[in-house]
């Protein structure tokens, strides 16, 4: 069974795995005017994380998938 806790906030994210490993990622420094709204960014982050977990990717990549998905959501 895969066990992780992932937390996301505006400035970054963290993943804690059952084996005691802690992985962090920072949010992108987006250009001015890129963000059109924040609605759905957290849900998009979660979707990216879940997609990466289902692909059995490493914790850093899990956070990267989530960060990319959240950033994409901010543009609309």
N, C-alpha and C. Protein backbone atom coordinates (compact mmCIF):
# COMPACT_ATOMS: atom_id res chain seq x y z
N UNK A 1 0.84 -1.18 0.00
CA UNK A 1 0.00 0.00 0.00
C UNK A 1 0.88 1.24 0.00
N UNK A 2 0.55 2.18 -0.85
CA UNK A 2 1.29 3.43 -0.97
C UNK A 2 0.72 4.44 0.02
N UNK A 3 1.57 4.99 0.88
CA UNK A 3 1.10 5.94 1.87
C UNK A 3 1.91 7.22 1.79
N UNK A 4 1.21 8.33 1.51
CA UNK A 4 1.83 9.64 1.43
C UNK A 4 0.87 10.68 2.00
N UNK A 5 1.42 11.75 2.49
CA UNK A 5 0.64 12.93 2.85
C UNK A 5 1.22 14.07 2.04
N UNK A 6 0.37 14.76 1.28
CA UNK A 6 0.81 15.88 0.45
C UNK A 6 0.03 17.12 0.87
N UNK A 7 0.76 18.21 1.08
CA UNK A 7 0.16 19.49 1.43
C UNK A 7 0.62 20.52 0.42
N UNK A 8 -0.32 21.35 -0.02
CA UNK A 8 -0.04 22.38 -1.03
C UNK A 8 -0.53 23.73 -0.53
N UNK A 9 0.27 24.75 -0.73
CA UNK A 9 -0.13 26.12 -0.42
C UNK A 9 0.44 27.02 -1.51
N UNK A 10 0.16 28.29 -1.46
CA UNK A 10 0.52 29.21 -2.54
C UNK A 10 2.01 29.21 -2.87
N UNK A 11 2.87 29.05 -1.88
CA UNK A 11 4.31 29.15 -2.11
C UNK A 11 5.01 27.83 -2.37
N UNK A 12 4.31 26.71 -2.21
CA UNK A 12 4.98 25.43 -2.44
C UNK A 12 4.16 24.24 -2.00
N UNK A 13 4.84 23.12 -1.85
CA UNK A 13 4.18 21.89 -1.44
C UNK A 13 5.19 20.98 -0.75
N UNK A 14 4.65 20.01 -0.03
CA UNK A 14 5.48 19.06 0.70
C UNK A 14 4.83 17.68 0.62
N UNK A 15 5.66 16.67 0.53
CA UNK A 15 5.19 15.29 0.51
C UNK A 15 5.94 14.52 1.58
N UNK A 16 5.19 13.86 2.46
CA UNK A 16 5.77 13.01 3.49
C UNK A 16 5.36 11.58 3.18
N UNK A 17 6.33 10.71 2.99
CA UNK A 17 6.06 9.30 2.68
C UNK A 17 6.16 8.45 3.94
N UNK A 18 5.53 7.30 3.88
CA UNK A 18 5.50 6.39 5.02
C UNK A 18 6.90 5.95 5.45
N UNK A 19 7.85 5.99 4.53
CA UNK A 19 9.22 5.58 4.86
C UNK A 19 10.00 6.68 5.58
N UNK A 20 9.34 7.81 5.86
CA UNK A 20 9.98 8.90 6.59
C UNK A 20 10.62 9.96 5.71
N UNK A 21 10.59 9.77 4.40
CA UNK A 21 11.19 10.74 3.48
C UNK A 21 10.28 11.97 3.35
N UNK A 22 10.88 13.15 3.42
CA UNK A 22 10.19 14.41 3.24
C UNK A 22 10.73 15.07 1.98
N UNK A 23 9.84 15.44 1.07
CA UNK A 23 10.23 16.08 -0.19
C UNK A 23 9.46 17.39 -0.30
N UNK A 24 10.13 18.45 -0.75
CA UNK A 24 9.48 19.75 -0.90
C UNK A 24 9.64 20.26 -2.33
N UNK A 25 8.75 21.16 -2.71
CA UNK A 25 8.84 21.85 -4.00
C UNK A 25 8.32 23.27 -3.82
N UNK A 26 8.87 24.18 -4.58
CA UNK A 26 8.40 25.56 -4.54
C UNK A 26 7.50 25.81 -5.73
N UNK A 27 6.60 26.77 -5.58
CA UNK A 27 5.72 27.15 -6.68
C UNK A 27 6.50 27.92 -7.74
N UNK A 28 5.95 27.97 -8.92
CA UNK A 28 6.59 28.71 -10.02
C UNK A 28 6.51 30.21 -9.78
N UNK A 29 7.51 30.92 -10.25
CA UNK A 29 7.49 32.38 -10.25
C UNK A 29 6.87 32.78 -11.59
N UNK A 30 5.56 32.95 -11.59
CA UNK A 30 4.83 33.20 -12.84
C UNK A 30 4.92 34.66 -13.25
N UNK A 31 4.92 34.91 -14.55
CA UNK A 31 5.01 36.30 -15.02
C UNK A 31 3.78 37.12 -14.61
N UNK A 32 4.00 38.39 -14.46
CA UNK A 32 2.91 39.29 -14.10
C UNK A 32 1.80 39.20 -15.15
N UNK A 33 0.58 39.11 -14.69
CA UNK A 33 -0.57 39.04 -15.58
C UNK A 33 -0.97 37.62 -15.96
N UNK A 34 -0.15 36.62 -15.61
CA UNK A 34 -0.44 35.23 -15.97
C UNK A 34 -1.66 34.71 -15.21
N UNK A 35 -1.76 35.07 -13.93
CA UNK A 35 -2.83 34.55 -13.09
C UNK A 35 -4.13 35.29 -13.39
N UNK A 36 -5.11 34.53 -13.88
CA UNK A 36 -6.44 35.09 -14.18
C UNK A 36 -7.43 34.79 -13.06
N UNK A 37 -7.11 33.80 -12.24
CA UNK A 37 -7.97 33.42 -11.12
C UNK A 37 -7.38 32.22 -10.41
N UNK A 38 -7.81 32.02 -9.18
CA UNK A 38 -7.26 30.91 -8.40
C UNK A 38 -8.25 29.77 -8.22
N UNK A 39 -9.48 29.94 -8.69
CA UNK A 39 -10.48 28.89 -8.55
C UNK A 39 -10.02 27.62 -9.25
N UNK A 40 -10.02 26.54 -8.54
CA UNK A 40 -9.67 25.25 -9.12
C UNK A 40 -8.20 24.89 -9.07
N UNK A 41 -7.35 25.80 -8.63
CA UNK A 41 -5.91 25.51 -8.60
C UNK A 41 -5.58 24.37 -7.64
N UNK A 42 -6.22 24.36 -6.49
CA UNK A 42 -5.98 23.29 -5.52
C UNK A 42 -6.48 21.94 -6.03
N UNK A 43 -7.64 21.95 -6.67
CA UNK A 43 -8.17 20.71 -7.25
C UNK A 43 -7.26 20.22 -8.37
N UNK A 44 -6.74 21.14 -9.17
CA UNK A 44 -5.83 20.77 -10.25
C UNK A 44 -4.53 20.20 -9.69
N UNK A 45 -4.04 20.81 -8.61
CA UNK A 45 -2.85 20.27 -7.96
C UNK A 45 -3.09 18.83 -7.53
N UNK A 46 -4.22 18.60 -6.90
CA UNK A 46 -4.57 17.26 -6.43
C UNK A 46 -4.65 16.27 -7.60
N UNK A 47 -5.24 16.68 -8.70
CA UNK A 47 -5.34 15.81 -9.87
C UNK A 47 -3.96 15.44 -10.40
N UNK A 48 -3.05 16.41 -10.45
CA UNK A 48 -1.70 16.13 -10.90
C UNK A 48 -0.97 15.17 -9.98
N UNK A 49 -1.14 15.37 -8.68
CA UNK A 49 -0.52 14.48 -7.69
C UNK A 49 -1.06 13.07 -7.85
N UNK A 50 -2.37 12.93 -7.96
CA UNK A 50 -2.96 11.60 -8.10
C UNK A 50 -2.51 10.91 -9.38
N UNK A 51 -2.41 11.65 -10.47
CA UNK A 51 -1.94 11.07 -11.73
C UNK A 51 -0.52 10.54 -11.58
N UNK A 52 0.34 11.31 -10.92
CA UNK A 52 1.73 10.89 -10.73
C UNK A 52 1.83 9.70 -9.79
N UNK A 53 1.01 9.68 -8.74
CA UNK A 53 1.02 8.56 -7.80
C UNK A 53 0.57 7.28 -8.52
N UNK A 54 -0.47 7.40 -9.35
CA UNK A 54 -0.95 6.23 -10.09
C UNK A 54 0.09 5.70 -11.07
N UNK A 55 0.98 6.58 -11.53
CA UNK A 55 2.08 6.15 -12.41
C UNK A 55 3.27 5.64 -11.61
N UNK A 56 3.14 5.64 -10.27
CA UNK A 56 4.20 5.18 -9.37
C UNK A 56 5.49 5.97 -9.53
N UNK A 57 5.35 7.29 -9.70
CA UNK A 57 6.52 8.16 -9.86
C UNK A 57 7.08 8.55 -8.49
N UNK A 58 8.32 9.03 -8.49
CA UNK A 58 8.97 9.42 -7.24
C UNK A 58 8.31 10.66 -6.65
N UNK A 59 8.57 10.91 -5.37
CA UNK A 59 7.89 11.99 -4.64
C UNK A 59 8.14 13.37 -5.25
N UNK A 60 9.34 13.64 -5.71
CA UNK A 60 9.63 14.95 -6.33
C UNK A 60 8.79 15.15 -7.58
N UNK A 61 8.68 14.11 -8.39
CA UNK A 61 7.88 14.19 -9.61
C UNK A 61 6.40 14.31 -9.28
N UNK A 62 5.96 13.66 -8.22
CA UNK A 62 4.57 13.79 -7.76
C UNK A 62 4.26 15.26 -7.49
N UNK A 63 5.14 15.94 -6.76
CA UNK A 63 4.94 17.36 -6.47
C UNK A 63 5.04 18.21 -7.73
N UNK A 64 5.94 17.86 -8.61
CA UNK A 64 6.09 18.62 -9.87
C UNK A 64 4.83 18.52 -10.73
N UNK A 65 4.26 17.32 -10.84
CA UNK A 65 3.00 17.16 -11.60
C UNK A 65 1.92 18.06 -11.01
N UNK A 66 1.79 18.03 -9.68
CA UNK A 66 0.79 18.87 -9.04
C UNK A 66 1.02 20.34 -9.26
N UNK A 67 2.27 20.76 -9.17
CA UNK A 67 2.61 22.18 -9.36
C UNK A 67 2.30 22.64 -10.78
N UNK A 68 2.62 21.83 -11.75
CA UNK A 68 2.35 22.17 -13.15
C UNK A 68 0.84 22.28 -13.39
N UNK A 69 0.09 21.34 -12.88
CA UNK A 69 -1.36 21.37 -13.06
C UNK A 69 -1.99 22.60 -12.39
N UNK A 70 -1.52 22.92 -11.20
CA UNK A 70 -2.03 24.11 -10.51
C UNK A 70 -1.71 25.38 -11.28
N UNK A 71 -0.49 25.47 -11.79
CA UNK A 71 -0.08 26.65 -12.56
C UNK A 71 -0.93 26.80 -13.82
N UNK A 72 -1.23 25.69 -14.46
CA UNK A 72 -2.06 25.74 -15.67
C UNK A 72 -3.46 26.27 -15.32
N UNK A 73 -3.99 25.85 -14.17
CA UNK A 73 -5.32 26.30 -13.77
C UNK A 73 -5.37 27.80 -13.48
N UNK A 74 -4.25 28.35 -13.04
CA UNK A 74 -4.21 29.78 -12.71
C UNK A 74 -4.35 30.68 -13.94
N UNK A 75 -4.12 30.13 -15.12
CA UNK A 75 -4.13 30.94 -16.33
C UNK A 75 -5.54 31.20 -16.88
N UNK A 76 -6.55 30.60 -16.27
CA UNK A 76 -7.92 30.84 -16.79
C UNK A 76 -8.89 31.14 -15.67
